[in-house]
Amino acid sequence: MSINYSEKIPNNVDLASDRRLQRALENWQPAYLQWWKDMGPEGAQAFDVYLRTAISTDANGWAQFGHVKMPDYRWGIFLADREADRKVNFGEQMGMPAWQDVPGEHRATLRRLIVTQGDTEPASVEQQRMLGKTAPSLYDLRNLFQINVEEGRHLWAMVYLLHAYFGRDGREEAEAMLERHSGDPDKPRILGAFNEETPDWLSFFMFTYFTDRDGKYQLASLAESGFDPLARTCKFMLTEEAHHMFVGETGISRILQRTCDLMREHKTDDVRAFGGIDLSTMQKYLNFHFSVSLDLFGQELSTNAANYYTAGIKGRFLETRIADDHKLADTTYRVTTFRDGGIVETDAPALTALNERLRQDYIEDCARGLVRWNKIIEKAGINFELKLPHRGFHRAIGAFSGAHVSPDGKVLSDAEWRENKHRFLPSDEDRAYVTSLMSAAVIEPGKFANWIAPPARGINNQPGEFEYVRFN
């Protein structure tokens, strides 16, 4: 589906034919632009950035590159193509036509899910707003800004659904998403991980690998929804989300490569003496961001998740590829939980264990990236392996929230946790050191900070010294 860029709000939903909706969104637009000015990338409003802009939602034509000032980026409303005769693929209404409007009995539930997803999008922009001042290269600065504008467009995607299908309630929710701010003590973002700071580029790369990957799984579950406009919206958002995870995975890969190069060159594990990020610190940052992201999947056993599935509102990851009855009434799922002071596995009803199944899909996906990272270390001849911590480690939500579990899955006493916490998670000293490496941005084309290696190739196959960001 082509996107109409001649309108004030670019879209492929024929917005011009619905004047009421068009006026409502045009009234929201100035507040969004003011939010971007106040809470978007600090000091970067006048930069010309080599950005990718969607021009259609088909597989071959949705990316066009060019230098754009971020406030002029053409944010808009883009849905994947409508599938003719689409059906609800799971739950009690399986086989019935997908809903083109909101069923009255599911109105509150769908609004809550859309608001929760939408709230994460501006939150990540707010978390990352200061990072441009310490970018390790123009290549990385451009990638940060690309992610920022796409998160802004994802907010537009959710706001469109609220305005189009939820009336006055939806308009009020859309306004509230610009009033909450990441880390605000009075009006914080809805989910805890989106109130954490992203103070440095190691945190940024970990965030885009682990936390944006949670976004992938949440969007993929919503892309199965029987509410067709939501499903189509999320399907297109997933194409943009892939780049965010690419930035995270390749960013960590490049740090690892530079660290390994420094270790071999100087024949030492102590690369801090030479301005590198040591492998043990990388592991501690990994532990933190992985565990915080696990919390985003919610409780291990959830009646809400069961109700969403039964109603046809939110499915499983790649629902239609799963070989079962897609109703799960008499099915169980193996769940790891914490009970009576120990870690146990138990069979639970598959319907109430849907969060845990999605979490497991996520864990397996995360592990594939670690295989690639560890090949870099192995190729360098270094005896070290990055590992995902146990799913019960450092959890604030779910059965493990009251437990102290080590990264290798050992239950610890309060005293043991306090004694060893600095070995598991970044200490104040670790964070101060990482921050010290990033005191200023590297803005000369083709140059990179000492702690990270160059990428294997440029964006859109641009040469190494390409001017990804122009400072005016």
Protein backbone atom coordinates (compact mmCIF):
# COMPACT_ATOMS: atom_id res chain seq x y z
CA MET A 1 0.00 0.00 0.00
CA SER A 2 1.48 3.35 -1.03
CA ILE A 3 1.62 6.20 1.47
CA ASN A 4 0.15 9.60 0.67
CA TYR A 5 2.83 12.17 1.52
CA SER A 6 0.89 15.09 0.08
CA GLU A 7 -1.29 15.35 3.18
CA LYS A 8 -0.50 17.06 6.46
CA ILE A 9 -0.45 13.63 8.13
CA PRO A 10 1.04 11.02 5.76
CA ASN A 11 -1.08 7.88 5.74
CA ASN A 12 -2.33 4.88 3.82
CA VAL A 13 -5.72 4.70 5.57
CA ASP A 14 -7.52 7.29 3.37
CA LEU A 15 -7.58 9.78 6.21
CA ALA A 16 -8.96 12.49 3.90
CA SER A 17 -12.28 10.66 3.67
CA ASP A 18 -12.88 10.95 7.43
CA ARG A 19 -12.87 14.65 8.20
CA ARG A 20 -13.75 14.23 11.87
CA LEU A 21 -10.81 11.89 12.46
CA GLN A 22 -8.51 14.05 10.37
CA ARG A 23 -9.34 17.15 12.43
CA ALA A 24 -8.85 15.25 15.70
CA LEU A 25 -5.41 14.03 14.68
CA GLU A 26 -4.41 17.44 13.32
CA ASN A 27 -5.36 18.90 16.70
CA TRP A 28 -3.11 16.32 18.42
CA GLN A 29 -0.20 16.92 16.03
CA PRO A 30 1.00 20.27 17.50
CA ALA A 31 1.14 18.74 20.99
CA TYR A 32 3.21 15.87 19.58
CA LEU A 33 5.63 18.27 17.87
CA GLN A 34 5.96 20.25 21.09
CA TRP A 35 6.69 17.02 22.96
CA TRP A 36 9.35 16.17 20.36
CA LYS A 37 10.90 19.62 20.79
CA ASP A 38 10.89 19.33 24.60
CA MET A 39 11.68 15.64 25.07
CA GLY A 40 13.23 14.47 21.80
CA PRO A 41 16.98 14.31 21.01
CA GLU A 42 18.62 17.14 22.93
CA GLY A 43 20.16 19.89 20.79
CA ALA A 44 19.64 18.03 17.52
CA GLN A 45 16.57 19.72 16.06
CA ALA A 46 18.50 21.51 13.29
CA PHE A 47 20.74 18.60 12.23
CA ASP A 48 20.34 17.10 8.76
CA VAL A 49 20.18 13.34 9.37
CA TYR A 50 20.41 10.56 6.78
CA LEU A 51 17.08 8.94 7.64
CA ARG A 52 15.05 6.12 6.18
CA THR A 53 11.42 7.02 5.49
CA ALA A 54 8.64 4.59 4.63
CA ILE A 55 7.09 5.16 1.18
CA SER A 56 4.92 2.03 1.10
CA THR A 57 4.13 -0.97 3.26
CA ASP A 58 5.02 -3.71 0.79
CA ALA A 59 8.22 -5.74 1.13
CA ASN A 60 10.17 -3.87 -1.57
CA GLY A 61 9.20 -0.24 -1.37
CA TRP A 62 8.96 1.00 2.16
CA ALA A 63 12.44 2.54 2.62
CA GLN A 64 13.69 5.79 1.07
CA PHE A 65 16.90 7.43 2.30
CA GLY A 66 17.83 11.10 2.43
CA HIS A 67 19.00 13.90 4.73
CA VAL A 68 16.10 15.28 6.78
CA LYS A 69 15.77 17.50 9.82
CA MET A 70 14.09 15.38 12.46
CA PRO A 71 11.25 17.84 13.24
CA ASP A 72 10.44 17.64 9.50
CA TYR A 73 10.35 13.84 9.44
CA ARG A 74 7.09 12.68 7.88
CA TRP A 75 5.51 10.87 10.81
CA GLY A 76 2.24 9.27 9.88
CA ILE A 77 -0.19 6.36 9.95
CA PHE A 78 0.84 3.21 8.11
CA LEU A 79 -0.96 -0.13 8.27
CA ALA A 80 0.03 -3.35 6.54
CA ASP A 81 -2.16 -4.42 3.63
CA ARG A 82 -5.56 -5.74 4.58
CA GLU A 83 -5.88 -9.50 4.20
CA ALA A 84 -9.10 -10.41 2.39
CA ASP A 85 -11.49 -12.54 4.44
CA ARG A 86 -9.13 -12.65 7.43
CA LYS A 87 -10.39 -14.78 10.31
CA VAL A 88 -9.81 -14.85 14.05
CA ASN A 89 -7.15 -17.55 14.39
CA PHE A 90 -7.45 -18.55 18.04
CA GLY A 91 -9.73 -18.54 21.06
CA GLU A 92 -13.46 -19.05 21.34
CA GLN A 93 -14.19 -17.10 18.14
CA MET A 94 -11.66 -19.01 16.06
CA GLY A 95 -12.78 -19.14 12.43
CA MET A 96 -15.09 -16.12 12.70
CA PRO A 97 -14.39 -13.01 10.58
CA ALA A 98 -11.77 -10.69 12.06
CA TRP A 99 -13.26 -7.55 13.64
CA GLN A 100 -13.03 -4.33 11.66
CA ASP A 101 -14.39 -2.38 14.63
CA VAL A 102 -14.01 -2.77 18.39
CA PRO A 103 -16.41 -5.28 19.94
CA GLY A 104 -18.19 -3.52 22.79
CA GLU A 105 -17.36 -6.22 25.32
CA HIS A 106 -13.61 -5.89 24.57
CA ARG A 107 -13.43 -2.12 24.37
CA ALA A 108 -11.74 -1.50 27.73
CA THR A 109 -9.28 -4.38 27.29
CA LEU A 110 -8.20 -3.34 23.80
CA ARG A 111 -7.82 0.29 24.87
CA ARG A 112 -5.61 -0.73 27.81
CA LEU A 113 -3.37 -2.90 25.60
CA ILE A 114 -3.01 -0.17 22.98
CA VAL A 115 -2.22 2.47 25.59
CA THR A 116 0.37 0.26 27.30
CA GLN A 117 2.10 -0.49 23.99
CA GLY A 118 1.85 3.13 22.85
CA ASP A 119 3.30 4.43 26.11
CA THR A 120 6.57 2.56 25.54
CA GLU A 121 7.29 4.37 22.27
CA PRO A 122 7.79 7.96 23.50
CA ALA A 123 9.31 6.58 26.69
CA SER A 124 12.34 5.18 24.87
CA VAL A 125 12.87 8.48 23.05
CA GLU A 126 12.89 10.23 26.43
CA GLN A 127 15.31 7.67 27.86
CA GLN A 128 17.75 8.24 24.99
CA ARG A 129 17.42 12.00 24.50
CA MET A 130 20.91 12.88 25.80
CA LEU A 131 22.87 10.13 24.04
CA GLY A 132 23.59 12.17 20.93
CA LYS A 133 26.05 14.28 22.91
CA THR A 134 28.35 11.27 23.43
CA ALA A 135 27.89 9.29 20.18
CA PRO A 136 30.91 7.15 19.24
CA SER A 137 30.59 8.06 15.53
CA LEU A 138 28.33 9.71 12.96
CA TYR A 139 27.20 6.22 11.94
CA ASP A 140 25.99 5.52 15.47
CA LEU A 141 24.49 8.98 15.89
CA ARG A 142 22.43 8.44 12.76
CA ASN A 143 21.24 5.04 14.00
CA LEU A 144 20.16 6.59 17.30
CA PHE A 145 18.17 9.26 15.49
CA GLN A 146 16.61 6.70 13.12
CA ILE A 147 15.38 4.72 16.10
CA ASN A 148 14.08 7.89 17.76
CA VAL A 149 11.97 8.99 14.79
CA GLU A 150 10.61 5.48 14.30
CA GLU A 151 9.62 5.23 17.95
CA GLY A 152 7.81 8.51 17.39
CA ARG A 153 6.01 7.03 14.40
CA HIS A 154 5.05 3.97 16.46
CA LEU A 155 3.41 6.37 18.90
CA TRP A 156 1.46 7.80 15.96
CA ALA A 157 0.35 4.27 15.06
CA MET A 158 -1.18 3.68 18.48
CA VAL A 159 -2.65 7.19 18.67
CA TYR A 160 -4.41 6.62 15.34
CA LEU A 161 -6.12 3.54 16.76
CA LEU A 162 -7.17 5.43 19.88
CA HIS A 163 -8.61 8.32 17.89
CA ALA A 164 -10.23 6.19 15.21
CA TYR A 165 -11.87 3.53 17.37
CA PHE A 166 -12.24 4.77 20.97
CA GLY A 167 -13.87 8.18 20.73
CA ARG A 168 -13.41 10.66 23.55
CA ASP A 169 -11.72 8.07 25.80
CA GLY A 170 -9.16 7.42 23.08
CA ARG A 171 -8.45 11.11 22.57
CA GLU A 172 -7.87 11.57 26.29
CA GLU A 173 -5.52 8.58 26.39
CA ALA A 174 -3.57 9.98 23.43
CA GLU A 175 -3.12 13.28 25.26
CA ALA A 176 -1.99 11.49 28.42
CA MET A 177 0.78 9.69 26.53
CA LEU A 178 2.44 13.07 25.98
CA GLU A 179 1.97 14.05 29.63
CA ARG A 180 3.71 11.04 31.19
CA HIS A 181 7.52 11.06 31.03
CA SER A 182 10.17 8.43 31.61
CA GLY A 183 11.38 8.53 35.21
CA ASP A 184 8.99 11.32 36.23
CA PRO A 185 8.24 10.77 39.94
CA ASP A 186 4.72 12.16 39.55
CA LYS A 187 3.74 10.92 36.07
CA PRO A 188 6.04 8.02 35.16
CA ARG A 189 5.68 5.73 32.17
CA ILE A 190 3.44 2.70 32.69
CA LEU A 191 6.08 -0.07 32.55
CA GLY A 192 9.06 -0.08 34.90
CA ALA A 193 11.76 -0.78 32.30
CA PHE A 194 10.79 2.44 30.53
CA ASN A 195 11.51 4.50 33.62
CA GLU A 196 15.11 3.26 33.80
CA GLU A 197 17.89 5.55 32.64
CA THR A 198 19.81 4.93 29.43
CA PRO A 199 22.83 7.02 30.38
CA ASP A 200 25.51 5.60 28.08
CA TRP A 201 25.96 3.83 24.76
CA LEU A 202 26.63 0.40 26.25
CA SER A 203 23.23 0.69 27.95
CA PHE A 204 21.71 1.88 24.67
CA PHE A 205 22.98 -1.10 22.72
CA MET A 206 21.82 -3.48 25.45
CA PHE A 207 18.44 -1.75 25.52
CA THR A 208 17.95 -2.02 21.78
CA TYR A 209 18.98 -5.67 21.81
CA PHE A 210 17.02 -6.85 24.86
CA THR A 211 14.20 -4.38 25.55
CA ASP A 212 13.33 -3.67 21.92
CA ARG A 213 13.26 -7.44 21.45
CA ASP A 214 10.52 -7.59 24.06
CA GLY A 215 8.74 -5.07 21.83
CA LYS A 216 9.10 -7.50 18.94
CA TYR A 217 7.34 -10.24 20.87
CA GLN A 218 4.60 -8.00 22.21
CA LEU A 219 3.94 -6.57 18.74
CA ALA A 220 3.99 -10.04 17.18
CA SER A 221 1.37 -11.21 19.70
CA LEU A 222 -0.82 -8.20 18.97
CA ALA A 223 -0.30 -8.74 15.22
CA GLU A 224 -2.29 -11.98 15.69
CA SER A 225 -5.24 -10.05 17.17
CA GLY A 226 -8.77 -10.60 15.97
CA PHE A 227 -9.07 -6.78 15.94
CA ASP A 228 -7.80 -6.35 12.40
CA PRO A 229 -6.70 -2.67 12.48
CA LEU A 230 -4.49 -3.43 15.49
CA ALA A 231 -3.05 -6.52 13.81
CA ARG A 232 -2.25 -4.62 10.61
CA THR A 233 -0.71 -1.72 12.54
CA CYS A 234 1.60 -4.04 14.50
CA LYS A 235 2.66 -6.00 11.42
CA PHE A 236 4.09 -2.89 9.84
CA MET A 237 5.66 -1.72 13.11
CA LEU A 238 7.59 -5.02 13.21
CA THR A 239 9.41 -4.14 9.98
CA GLU A 240 10.80 -1.02 11.66
CA GLU A 241 11.49 -2.76 14.98
CA ALA A 242 13.92 -5.11 13.22
CA HIS A 243 16.35 -2.24 12.63
CA HIS A 244 16.33 -1.34 16.31
CA MET A 245 17.42 -4.85 17.29
CA PHE A 246 20.03 -4.82 14.50
CA VAL A 247 21.54 -1.67 16.04
CA GLY A 248 21.72 -3.40 19.41
CA GLU A 249 23.20 -6.67 18.23
CA THR A 250 25.80 -5.10 15.93
CA GLY A 251 26.65 -2.43 18.50
CA ILE A 252 27.51 -5.06 21.10
CA SER A 253 29.37 -7.06 18.45
CA ARG A 254 31.52 -4.06 17.61
CA ILE A 255 32.32 -3.36 21.27
CA LEU A 256 33.28 -7.01 21.74
CA GLN A 257 35.48 -6.90 18.66
CA ARG A 258 37.33 -3.82 19.91
CA THR A 259 37.71 -5.31 23.40
CA CYS A 260 39.13 -8.54 21.97
CA ASP A 261 41.52 -6.58 19.75
CA LEU A 262 42.79 -4.64 22.77
CA MET A 263 43.17 -7.84 24.82
CA ARG A 264 45.26 -9.48 22.13
CA GLU A 265 47.30 -6.38 21.35
CA HIS A 266 48.24 -5.75 24.98
CA LYS A 267 48.08 -9.38 26.17
CA THR A 268 45.85 -8.52 29.14
CA ASP A 269 42.30 -8.85 30.41
CA ASP A 270 42.51 -5.35 31.91
CA VAL A 271 41.50 -3.35 28.85
CA ARG A 272 40.32 -0.49 31.04
CA ALA A 273 43.93 0.62 31.14
CA PHE A 274 43.68 1.09 27.37
CA GLY A 275 40.22 2.65 27.15
CA GLY A 276 38.24 -0.49 26.41
CA ILE A 277 35.19 -2.09 28.02
CA ASP A 278 36.19 -5.34 29.73
CA LEU A 279 34.21 -8.53 29.16
CA SER A 280 33.13 -8.91 32.78
CA THR A 281 31.53 -5.45 32.67
CA MET A 282 29.76 -6.41 29.43
CA GLN A 283 28.36 -9.46 31.21
CA LYS A 284 27.08 -7.36 34.10
CA TYR A 285 25.31 -4.93 31.77
CA LEU A 286 23.84 -7.89 29.91
CA ASN A 287 22.56 -9.34 33.20
CA PHE A 288 20.82 -6.09 34.08
CA HIS A 289 19.11 -5.40 30.77
CA PHE A 290 18.04 -9.00 30.20
CA SER A 291 16.49 -9.32 33.65
CA VAL A 292 14.68 -5.97 33.45
CA SER A 293 13.31 -6.94 30.04
CA LEU A 294 12.05 -10.30 31.35
CA ASP A 295 9.80 -8.42 33.74
CA LEU A 296 8.00 -6.83 30.80
CA PHE A 297 6.29 -10.15 30.07
CA GLY A 298 4.43 -10.02 33.39
CA GLN A 299 3.44 -12.75 35.82
CA GLU A 300 4.27 -16.38 35.02
CA LEU A 301 0.59 -17.33 35.40
CA SER A 302 -1.95 -14.74 34.30
CA THR A 303 -5.72 -14.90 34.06
CA ASN A 304 -5.57 -11.66 32.03
CA ALA A 305 -3.39 -13.33 29.39
CA ALA A 306 -5.77 -16.29 29.34
CA ASN A 307 -8.74 -13.99 28.87
CA TYR A 308 -7.03 -12.05 26.07
CA TYR A 309 -6.33 -15.29 24.24
CA THR A 310 -9.74 -16.84 24.75
CA ALA A 311 -11.38 -13.64 23.51
CA GLY A 312 -9.17 -13.55 20.38
CA ILE A 313 -7.52 -10.26 21.38
CA LYS A 314 -3.83 -11.23 21.80
CA GLY A 315 -2.28 -14.41 20.42
CA ARG A 316 0.98 -16.24 20.76
CA PHE A 317 4.16 -15.56 18.81
CA LEU A 318 3.58 -16.83 15.24
CA GLU A 319 0.23 -18.25 16.32
CA THR A 320 -0.77 -19.73 12.97
CA ARG A 321 2.45 -21.75 12.72
CA ILE A 322 1.77 -23.62 15.97
CA ALA A 323 0.35 -27.10 15.51
CA ASP A 324 -2.41 -27.35 18.12
CA ASP A 325 -6.11 -26.56 18.44
CA HIS A 326 -5.49 -22.82 19.15
CA LYS A 327 -7.92 -22.96 22.06
CA LEU A 328 -5.74 -24.60 24.76
CA ALA A 329 -8.63 -25.57 27.02
CA ASP A 330 -7.12 -28.94 27.99
CA THR A 331 -3.41 -28.21 27.44
CA THR A 332 -0.59 -27.70 29.97
CA TYR A 333 2.72 -25.88 29.77
CA ARG A 334 5.87 -26.42 31.83
CA VAL A 335 6.61 -23.37 34.01
CA THR A 336 9.71 -22.55 36.07
CA THR A 337 8.72 -20.78 39.27
CA PHE A 338 9.81 -20.04 42.83
CA ARG A 339 8.05 -21.84 45.67
CA ASP A 340 8.85 -22.56 49.32
CA GLY A 341 12.33 -21.09 49.01
CA GLY A 342 13.34 -23.08 45.93
CA ILE A 343 13.17 -23.10 42.14
CA VAL A 344 10.71 -25.69 40.84
CA GLU A 345 9.13 -26.71 37.57
CA THR A 346 5.45 -27.42 37.38
CA ASP A 347 2.81 -28.13 34.75
CA ALA A 348 0.32 -25.27 34.54
CA PRO A 349 -2.74 -24.69 32.34
CA ALA A 350 -1.42 -23.47 29.00
CA LEU A 351 -3.97 -20.66 28.93
CA THR A 352 -2.73 -19.06 32.14
CA ALA A 353 0.92 -19.74 31.19
CA LEU A 354 0.82 -17.72 27.97
CA ASN A 355 3.10 -15.00 29.37
CA GLU A 356 5.67 -17.62 30.29
CA ARG A 357 5.51 -19.24 26.86
CA LEU A 358 6.11 -15.85 25.24
CA ARG A 359 8.96 -15.20 27.68
CA GLN A 360 10.51 -18.53 26.70
CA ASP A 361 10.27 -17.66 22.99
CA TYR A 362 12.02 -14.39 23.83
CA ILE A 363 14.77 -16.11 25.86
CA GLU A 364 15.52 -18.50 23.01
CA ASP A 365 15.72 -15.59 20.58
CA CYS A 366 18.07 -13.66 22.87
CA ALA A 367 20.30 -16.73 23.16
CA ARG A 368 20.84 -16.81 19.39
CA GLY A 369 22.49 -13.40 19.54
CA LEU A 370 24.82 -14.56 22.31
CA VAL A 371 25.98 -17.41 20.06
CA ARG A 372 27.08 -14.83 17.50
CA TRP A 373 28.72 -12.61 20.14
CA ASN A 374 30.62 -15.56 21.62
CA LYS A 375 31.98 -16.50 18.20
CA ILE A 376 33.76 -13.13 18.13
CA ILE A 377 35.38 -13.90 21.48
CA GLU A 378 36.21 -17.48 20.47
CA LYS A 379 37.72 -16.38 17.15
CA ALA A 380 40.01 -14.06 19.10
CA GLY A 381 41.26 -17.05 21.11
CA ILE A 382 39.94 -15.69 24.41
CA ASN A 383 38.59 -18.02 27.08
CA PHE A 384 35.39 -16.22 28.01
CA GLU A 385 31.71 -16.84 27.32
CA LEU A 386 28.83 -14.42 27.66
CA LYS A 387 25.78 -16.09 29.18
CA LEU A 388 22.14 -15.24 29.76
CA PRO A 389 21.41 -15.21 33.49
CA HIS A 390 18.78 -17.49 34.97
CA ARG A 391 15.21 -16.35 34.36
CA GLY A 392 14.80 -15.84 38.13
CA PHE A 393 17.77 -13.49 38.43
CA HIS A 394 17.08 -9.87 39.52
CA ARG A 395 13.35 -10.03 38.93
CA ALA A 396 10.88 -7.42 40.19
CA ILE A 397 7.69 -8.95 38.78
CA GLY A 398 6.34 -12.47 39.09
CA ALA A 399 7.12 -15.45 41.29
CA PHE A 400 10.84 -14.58 41.51
CA SER A 401 10.30 -10.98 42.64
CA GLY A 402 10.84 -11.83 46.30
CA ALA A 403 13.79 -14.14 45.71
CA HIS A 404 17.54 -13.68 45.36
CA VAL A 405 18.74 -15.88 42.52
CA SER A 406 22.29 -15.82 41.16
CA PRO A 407 22.92 -15.65 37.40
CA ASP A 408 23.68 -19.39 37.39
CA GLY A 409 20.41 -20.21 39.14
CA LYS A 410 21.45 -20.63 42.77
CA VAL A 411 19.08 -19.35 45.45
CA LEU A 412 20.95 -16.93 47.73
CA SER A 413 20.28 -15.58 51.20
CA ASP A 414 19.91 -11.83 51.70
CA ALA A 415 23.47 -11.68 53.01
CA GLU A 416 24.87 -13.65 50.07
CA TRP A 417 23.04 -11.38 47.63
CA ARG A 418 24.40 -8.20 49.25
CA GLU A 419 27.91 -9.65 49.29
CA ASN A 420 27.88 -10.66 45.62
CA LYS A 421 25.58 -8.14 43.94
CA HIS A 422 28.51 -6.11 42.62
CA ARG A 423 29.73 -9.22 40.76
CA PHE A 424 26.36 -9.72 39.06
CA LEU A 425 25.20 -6.20 38.20
CA PRO A 426 26.97 -2.99 37.16
CA SER A 427 28.37 -1.20 40.21
CA ASP A 428 28.58 2.55 40.57
CA GLU A 429 32.26 2.21 39.70
CA ASP A 430 31.45 0.25 36.54
CA ARG A 431 28.92 2.81 35.41
CA ALA A 432 31.26 5.68 36.17
CA TYR A 433 34.01 4.04 34.11
CA VAL A 434 31.74 3.39 31.12
CA THR A 435 30.46 6.96 31.32
CA SER A 436 34.03 8.26 31.44
CA LEU A 437 34.71 6.71 28.04
CA MET A 438 31.86 8.70 26.54
CA SER A 439 32.59 12.25 27.57
CA ALA A 440 32.15 13.72 24.09
CA ALA A 441 30.78 12.77 20.67
CA VAL A 442 33.05 11.65 17.82
CA ILE A 443 31.70 13.65 14.88
CA GLU A 444 34.45 13.47 12.26
CA PRO A 445 33.22 11.36 9.33
CA GLY A 446 34.79 7.90 9.30
CA LYS A 447 36.17 8.18 12.86
CA PHE A 448 35.13 6.03 15.82
CA ALA A 449 35.60 6.14 19.57
CA ASN A 450 38.42 3.98 20.91
CA TRP A 451 36.05 1.54 22.68
CA ILE A 452 34.10 0.39 19.59
CA ALA A 453 35.06 -1.06 16.20
CA PRO A 454 33.71 0.29 12.89
CA PRO A 455 30.72 -1.50 11.33
CA ALA A 456 31.16 -4.09 8.62
CA ARG A 457 29.26 -1.90 6.14
CA GLY A 458 27.58 1.48 6.00
CA ILE A 459 23.90 2.33 6.05
CA ASN A 460 22.41 1.81 2.59
CA ASN A 461 25.93 0.73 1.50
CA GLN A 462 27.37 4.19 2.06
CA PRO A 463 31.19 4.53 2.26
CA GLY A 464 33.01 4.65 5.58
CA GLU A 465 33.49 8.43 5.59
CA PHE A 466 29.90 9.24 4.64
CA GLU A 467 28.43 12.27 6.41
CA TYR A 468 25.45 10.63 8.10
CA VAL A 469 24.70 13.74 10.14
CA ARG A 470 25.30 17.30 9.00
CA PHE A 471 25.56 19.94 11.71
CA ASN A 472 24.07 23.26 10.61
